[in-house]
N, C-alpha and C. Protein backbone atom coordinates (compact mmCIF):
# COMPACT_ATOMS: atom_id res chain seq x y z
N MET A 1 88.24 113.79 120.72
CA MET A 1 87.15 114.71 120.64
C MET A 1 87.50 116.01 121.35
N SER A 2 88.50 116.00 122.18
CA SER A 2 88.90 117.20 122.90
C SER A 2 89.62 118.19 121.99
N ASP A 3 90.04 117.78 120.77
CA ASP A 3 90.74 118.68 119.88
C ASP A 3 89.79 119.56 119.09
N ARG A 4 88.50 119.35 119.17
CA ARG A 4 87.51 120.19 118.49
C ARG A 4 87.29 121.47 119.30
N PRO A 5 87.23 122.59 118.61
CA PRO A 5 86.97 123.84 119.32
C PRO A 5 85.51 123.93 119.76
N SER A 6 85.28 124.66 120.83
CA SER A 6 83.91 124.81 121.33
C SER A 6 83.25 126.08 120.82
N ASP A 7 84.04 127.04 120.37
CA ASP A 7 83.52 128.29 119.83
C ASP A 7 82.88 128.00 118.47
N PRO A 8 81.65 128.48 118.20
CA PRO A 8 80.98 128.18 116.93
C PRO A 8 81.77 128.61 115.70
N GLU A 9 82.41 129.76 115.71
CA GLU A 9 83.20 130.20 114.55
C GLU A 9 84.43 129.33 114.37
N ALA A 10 85.07 129.02 115.46
CA ALA A 10 86.25 128.15 115.38
C ALA A 10 85.84 126.75 114.92
N LEU A 11 84.70 126.28 115.37
CA LEU A 11 84.19 124.98 114.95
C LEU A 11 83.90 124.98 113.45
N GLU A 12 83.36 126.07 112.97
CA GLU A 12 83.08 126.19 111.54
C GLU A 12 84.38 126.14 110.72
N ARG A 13 85.40 126.88 111.15
CA ARG A 13 86.71 126.85 110.48
C ARG A 13 87.31 125.45 110.53
N TYR A 14 87.17 124.78 111.67
CA TYR A 14 87.67 123.41 111.84
C TYR A 14 87.00 122.47 110.84
N ILE A 15 85.70 122.60 110.71
CA ILE A 15 84.95 121.75 109.78
C ILE A 15 85.36 122.05 108.34
N GLU A 16 85.50 123.34 108.00
CA GLU A 16 85.91 123.71 106.64
C GLU A 16 87.28 123.14 106.29
N ARG A 17 88.22 123.22 107.24
CA ARG A 17 89.56 122.65 107.00
C ARG A 17 89.47 121.15 106.77
N ASN A 18 88.66 120.46 107.57
CA ASN A 18 88.52 119.02 107.42
C ASN A 18 87.86 118.65 106.09
N VAL A 19 86.87 119.45 105.67
CA VAL A 19 86.21 119.20 104.38
C VAL A 19 87.21 119.40 103.24
N GLU A 20 88.02 120.45 103.30
CA GLU A 20 89.03 120.69 102.26
C GLU A 20 90.05 119.57 102.22
N GLU A 21 90.49 119.12 103.38
CA GLU A 21 91.46 118.03 103.44
C GLU A 21 90.86 116.74 102.88
N LEU A 22 89.62 116.47 103.22
CA LEU A 22 88.94 115.29 102.70
C LEU A 22 88.78 115.37 101.19
N ALA A 23 88.45 116.55 100.67
CA ALA A 23 88.31 116.74 99.22
C ALA A 23 89.64 116.47 98.52
N ARG A 24 90.76 116.97 99.09
CA ARG A 24 92.07 116.71 98.50
C ARG A 24 92.39 115.22 98.51
N THR A 25 92.06 114.56 99.60
CA THR A 25 92.32 113.13 99.70
C THR A 25 91.51 112.35 98.67
N VAL A 26 90.24 112.70 98.53
CA VAL A 26 89.40 112.03 97.54
C VAL A 26 89.93 112.28 96.13
N ASP A 27 90.36 113.50 95.83
CA ASP A 27 90.93 113.80 94.52
C ASP A 27 92.18 112.96 94.26
N GLU A 28 93.03 112.80 95.25
CA GLU A 28 94.23 111.99 95.10
C GLU A 28 93.88 110.53 94.84
N VAL A 29 92.88 110.02 95.54
CA VAL A 29 92.47 108.62 95.35
C VAL A 29 91.89 108.43 93.95
N VAL A 30 91.04 109.37 93.52
CA VAL A 30 90.46 109.29 92.18
C VAL A 30 91.55 109.32 91.13
N ASP A 31 92.54 110.19 91.30
CA ASP A 31 93.65 110.26 90.35
C ASP A 31 94.45 108.97 90.34
N ARG A 32 94.64 108.39 91.50
CA ARG A 32 95.44 107.16 91.63
C ARG A 32 94.76 105.97 90.97
N VAL A 33 93.44 105.88 91.02
CA VAL A 33 92.74 104.70 90.50
C VAL A 33 92.12 104.92 89.13
N HIS A 34 92.30 106.10 88.54
CA HIS A 34 91.75 106.36 87.21
C HIS A 34 92.40 105.38 86.22
N PRO A 35 91.61 104.72 85.38
CA PRO A 35 92.15 103.71 84.47
C PRO A 35 93.30 104.21 83.59
N ARG A 36 93.22 105.44 83.11
CA ARG A 36 94.30 105.95 82.27
C ARG A 36 95.61 106.02 83.06
N ASN A 37 95.53 106.47 84.30
CA ASN A 37 96.74 106.58 85.12
C ASN A 37 97.27 105.21 85.51
N VAL A 38 96.37 104.28 85.79
CA VAL A 38 96.81 102.91 86.11
C VAL A 38 97.51 102.31 84.91
N ALA A 39 96.93 102.49 83.72
CA ALA A 39 97.55 101.95 82.49
C ALA A 39 98.90 102.60 82.23
N ARG A 40 99.00 103.91 82.45
CA ARG A 40 100.27 104.60 82.24
C ARG A 40 101.35 104.08 83.18
N ARG A 41 100.97 103.89 84.46
CA ARG A 41 101.95 103.36 85.41
C ARG A 41 102.36 101.94 85.04
N GLY A 42 101.41 101.14 84.57
CA GLY A 42 101.74 99.78 84.14
C GLY A 42 102.67 99.79 82.95
N ALA A 43 102.40 100.66 81.98
CA ALA A 43 103.26 100.76 80.81
C ALA A 43 104.66 101.24 81.20
N ASP A 44 104.71 102.22 82.09
CA ASP A 44 106.02 102.69 82.57
C ASP A 44 106.80 101.58 83.25
N ARG A 45 106.09 100.78 84.06
CA ARG A 45 106.74 99.67 84.76
C ARG A 45 107.25 98.63 83.76
N LEU A 46 106.45 98.33 82.71
CA LEU A 46 106.89 97.38 81.69
C LEU A 46 108.11 97.90 80.94
N LYS A 47 108.10 99.20 80.61
CA LYS A 47 109.26 99.78 79.92
C LYS A 47 110.51 99.68 80.78
N GLU A 48 110.34 99.96 82.06
CA GLU A 48 111.48 99.88 82.97
C GLU A 48 112.02 98.45 83.05
N GLU A 49 111.10 97.49 83.19
CA GLU A 49 111.52 96.09 83.25
C GLU A 49 112.17 95.66 81.94
N ALA A 50 111.62 96.10 80.81
CA ALA A 50 112.21 95.77 79.51
C ALA A 50 113.62 96.35 79.41
N GLY A 51 113.80 97.55 79.95
CA GLY A 51 115.14 98.14 79.96
C GLY A 51 116.12 97.34 80.79
N HIS A 52 115.64 96.83 81.95
CA HIS A 52 116.50 95.99 82.79
C HIS A 52 116.87 94.72 82.05
N VAL A 53 115.89 94.12 81.38
CA VAL A 53 116.15 92.88 80.63
C VAL A 53 117.12 93.16 79.49
N ALA A 54 116.90 94.28 78.79
CA ALA A 54 117.77 94.63 77.67
C ALA A 54 119.21 94.84 78.14
N ARG A 55 119.37 95.53 79.28
CA ARG A 55 120.73 95.74 79.81
C ARG A 55 121.36 94.42 80.23
N ALA A 56 120.54 93.55 80.86
CA ALA A 56 121.08 92.27 81.29
C ALA A 56 121.48 91.42 80.08
N LEU A 57 120.63 91.39 79.07
CA LEU A 57 120.96 90.62 77.87
C LEU A 57 122.11 91.25 77.13
N GLY A 58 122.18 92.56 77.10
CA GLY A 58 123.28 93.25 76.42
C GLY A 58 124.61 92.94 77.08
N GLY A 59 124.61 92.83 78.41
CA GLY A 59 125.85 92.53 79.12
C GLY A 59 126.33 91.12 78.88
N THR A 60 125.41 90.16 78.80
CA THR A 60 125.81 88.78 78.56
C THR A 60 125.98 88.49 77.09
N ALA A 61 125.22 89.21 76.24
CA ALA A 61 125.28 88.93 74.81
C ALA A 61 126.59 89.40 74.19
N GLY A 62 127.21 90.40 74.77
CA GLY A 62 128.47 90.89 74.22
C GLY A 62 129.57 89.84 74.27
N ARG A 63 129.43 88.83 75.11
CA ARG A 63 130.43 87.79 75.25
C ARG A 63 130.09 86.53 74.46
N SER A 64 128.91 86.53 73.77
CA SER A 64 128.46 85.29 73.16
C SER A 64 129.24 84.90 71.92
N GLY A 65 129.49 85.86 71.00
CA GLY A 65 130.29 85.55 69.83
C GLY A 65 129.58 84.67 68.83
N GLY A 66 128.27 84.60 68.85
CA GLY A 66 127.51 83.73 67.95
C GLY A 66 127.33 84.34 66.58
N ALA A 67 126.67 83.60 65.68
CA ALA A 67 126.48 84.03 64.30
C ALA A 67 125.50 85.20 64.20
N ASP A 68 124.60 85.35 65.18
CA ASP A 68 123.60 86.42 65.13
C ASP A 68 124.14 87.74 65.68
N ASP A 69 125.40 87.80 66.04
CA ASP A 69 125.96 89.02 66.62
C ASP A 69 126.18 90.06 65.54
N ASP A 70 126.08 91.33 65.93
CA ASP A 70 126.37 92.40 64.99
C ASP A 70 127.88 92.65 64.96
N ALA A 71 128.28 93.66 64.17
CA ALA A 71 129.71 93.91 63.96
C ALA A 71 130.42 94.35 65.24
N GLU A 72 129.69 94.89 66.22
CA GLU A 72 130.32 95.38 67.44
C GLU A 72 130.52 94.26 68.47
N GLY A 73 130.10 93.07 68.18
CA GLY A 73 130.27 91.97 69.12
C GLY A 73 129.09 91.80 70.06
N GLY A 74 128.03 92.58 69.92
CA GLY A 74 126.84 92.47 70.75
C GLY A 74 125.79 91.61 70.08
N ILE A 75 124.69 91.41 70.76
CA ILE A 75 123.62 90.58 70.21
C ILE A 75 122.86 91.36 69.14
N ASP A 76 122.32 90.67 68.16
CA ASP A 76 121.53 91.27 67.10
C ASP A 76 120.32 91.97 67.72
N LYS A 77 120.05 93.18 67.31
CA LYS A 77 118.96 93.96 67.89
C LYS A 77 117.61 93.29 67.66
N ARG A 78 117.46 92.59 66.56
CA ARG A 78 116.20 91.89 66.29
C ARG A 78 115.95 90.81 67.34
N VAL A 79 116.99 90.09 67.70
CA VAL A 79 116.85 89.04 68.71
C VAL A 79 116.51 89.66 70.06
N LEU A 80 117.16 90.75 70.38
CA LEU A 80 116.90 91.45 71.64
C LEU A 80 115.47 91.97 71.68
N LEU A 81 115.01 92.60 70.60
CA LEU A 81 113.64 93.11 70.55
C LEU A 81 112.62 91.98 70.62
N ALA A 82 112.92 90.85 69.99
CA ALA A 82 112.01 89.71 70.05
C ALA A 82 111.90 89.19 71.49
N GLY A 83 113.01 89.14 72.19
CA GLY A 83 113.00 88.70 73.58
C GLY A 83 112.23 89.66 74.48
N VAL A 84 112.46 90.95 74.29
CA VAL A 84 111.73 91.94 75.08
C VAL A 84 110.25 91.89 74.74
N GLY A 85 109.93 91.76 73.47
CA GLY A 85 108.53 91.66 73.06
C GLY A 85 107.85 90.45 73.68
N ALA A 86 108.55 89.33 73.70
CA ALA A 86 107.98 88.13 74.32
C ALA A 86 107.77 88.33 75.82
N ALA A 87 108.72 88.98 76.47
CA ALA A 87 108.57 89.24 77.91
C ALA A 87 107.39 90.15 78.18
N VAL A 88 107.21 91.18 77.36
CA VAL A 88 106.09 92.09 77.52
C VAL A 88 104.77 91.36 77.28
N ALA A 89 104.74 90.52 76.25
CA ALA A 89 103.51 89.77 75.94
C ALA A 89 103.14 88.83 77.07
N VAL A 90 104.12 88.13 77.62
CA VAL A 90 103.84 87.21 78.73
C VAL A 90 103.37 87.98 79.95
N THR A 91 104.00 89.10 80.24
CA THR A 91 103.59 89.91 81.39
C THR A 91 102.16 90.42 81.20
N ALA A 92 101.84 90.89 80.00
CA ALA A 92 100.48 91.37 79.73
C ALA A 92 99.47 90.24 79.87
N LEU A 93 99.81 89.06 79.40
CA LEU A 93 98.92 87.90 79.51
C LEU A 93 98.68 87.52 80.97
N VAL A 94 99.72 87.54 81.77
CA VAL A 94 99.58 87.21 83.19
C VAL A 94 98.70 88.25 83.89
N LEU A 95 98.94 89.53 83.62
CA LEU A 95 98.13 90.58 84.24
C LEU A 95 96.68 90.48 83.81
N TRP A 96 96.45 90.20 82.53
CA TRP A 96 95.09 90.05 82.02
C TRP A 96 94.37 88.88 82.69
N SER A 97 95.06 87.75 82.82
CA SER A 97 94.41 86.58 83.43
C SER A 97 94.12 86.81 84.92
N ARG A 98 95.00 87.52 85.61
CA ARG A 98 94.74 87.84 87.02
C ARG A 98 93.52 88.74 87.15
N ARG A 99 93.42 89.68 86.24
CA ARG A 99 92.28 90.61 86.29
C ARG A 99 90.98 89.87 86.01
N ARG A 100 91.00 88.93 85.09
CA ARG A 100 89.78 88.15 84.78
C ARG A 100 89.35 87.31 85.96
N ARG A 101 90.31 86.76 86.69
CA ARG A 101 89.98 85.93 87.85
C ARG A 101 89.32 86.73 88.97
N ARG A 102 89.68 88.00 89.08
CA ARG A 102 89.14 88.84 90.16
C ARG A 102 87.67 89.19 89.93
N ARG A 103 87.22 89.15 88.71
CA ARG A 103 85.83 89.52 88.40
C ARG A 103 84.87 88.46 88.79
């Protein structure tokens, strides 16, 4: 409490600065929890994870030599997309069920 100024004009400036800072903080929180932004971050996270899975499968699939391989020796893109799609679907289902439990 000793950091507050005692001069009325200085106190007014102090309050104005605190109100502006609080307004910025509230705006940041609103932006952070807005459903569109939450969904975008979730989609970005899923895309990133799908990319990690695709790279991991691509690295191991190049050595498989199976009938579903393409001409370059890698895994068939359809198989890779099906695996990534399944991973995304399972992740979405888990997130959806967690959200339902919280309500």
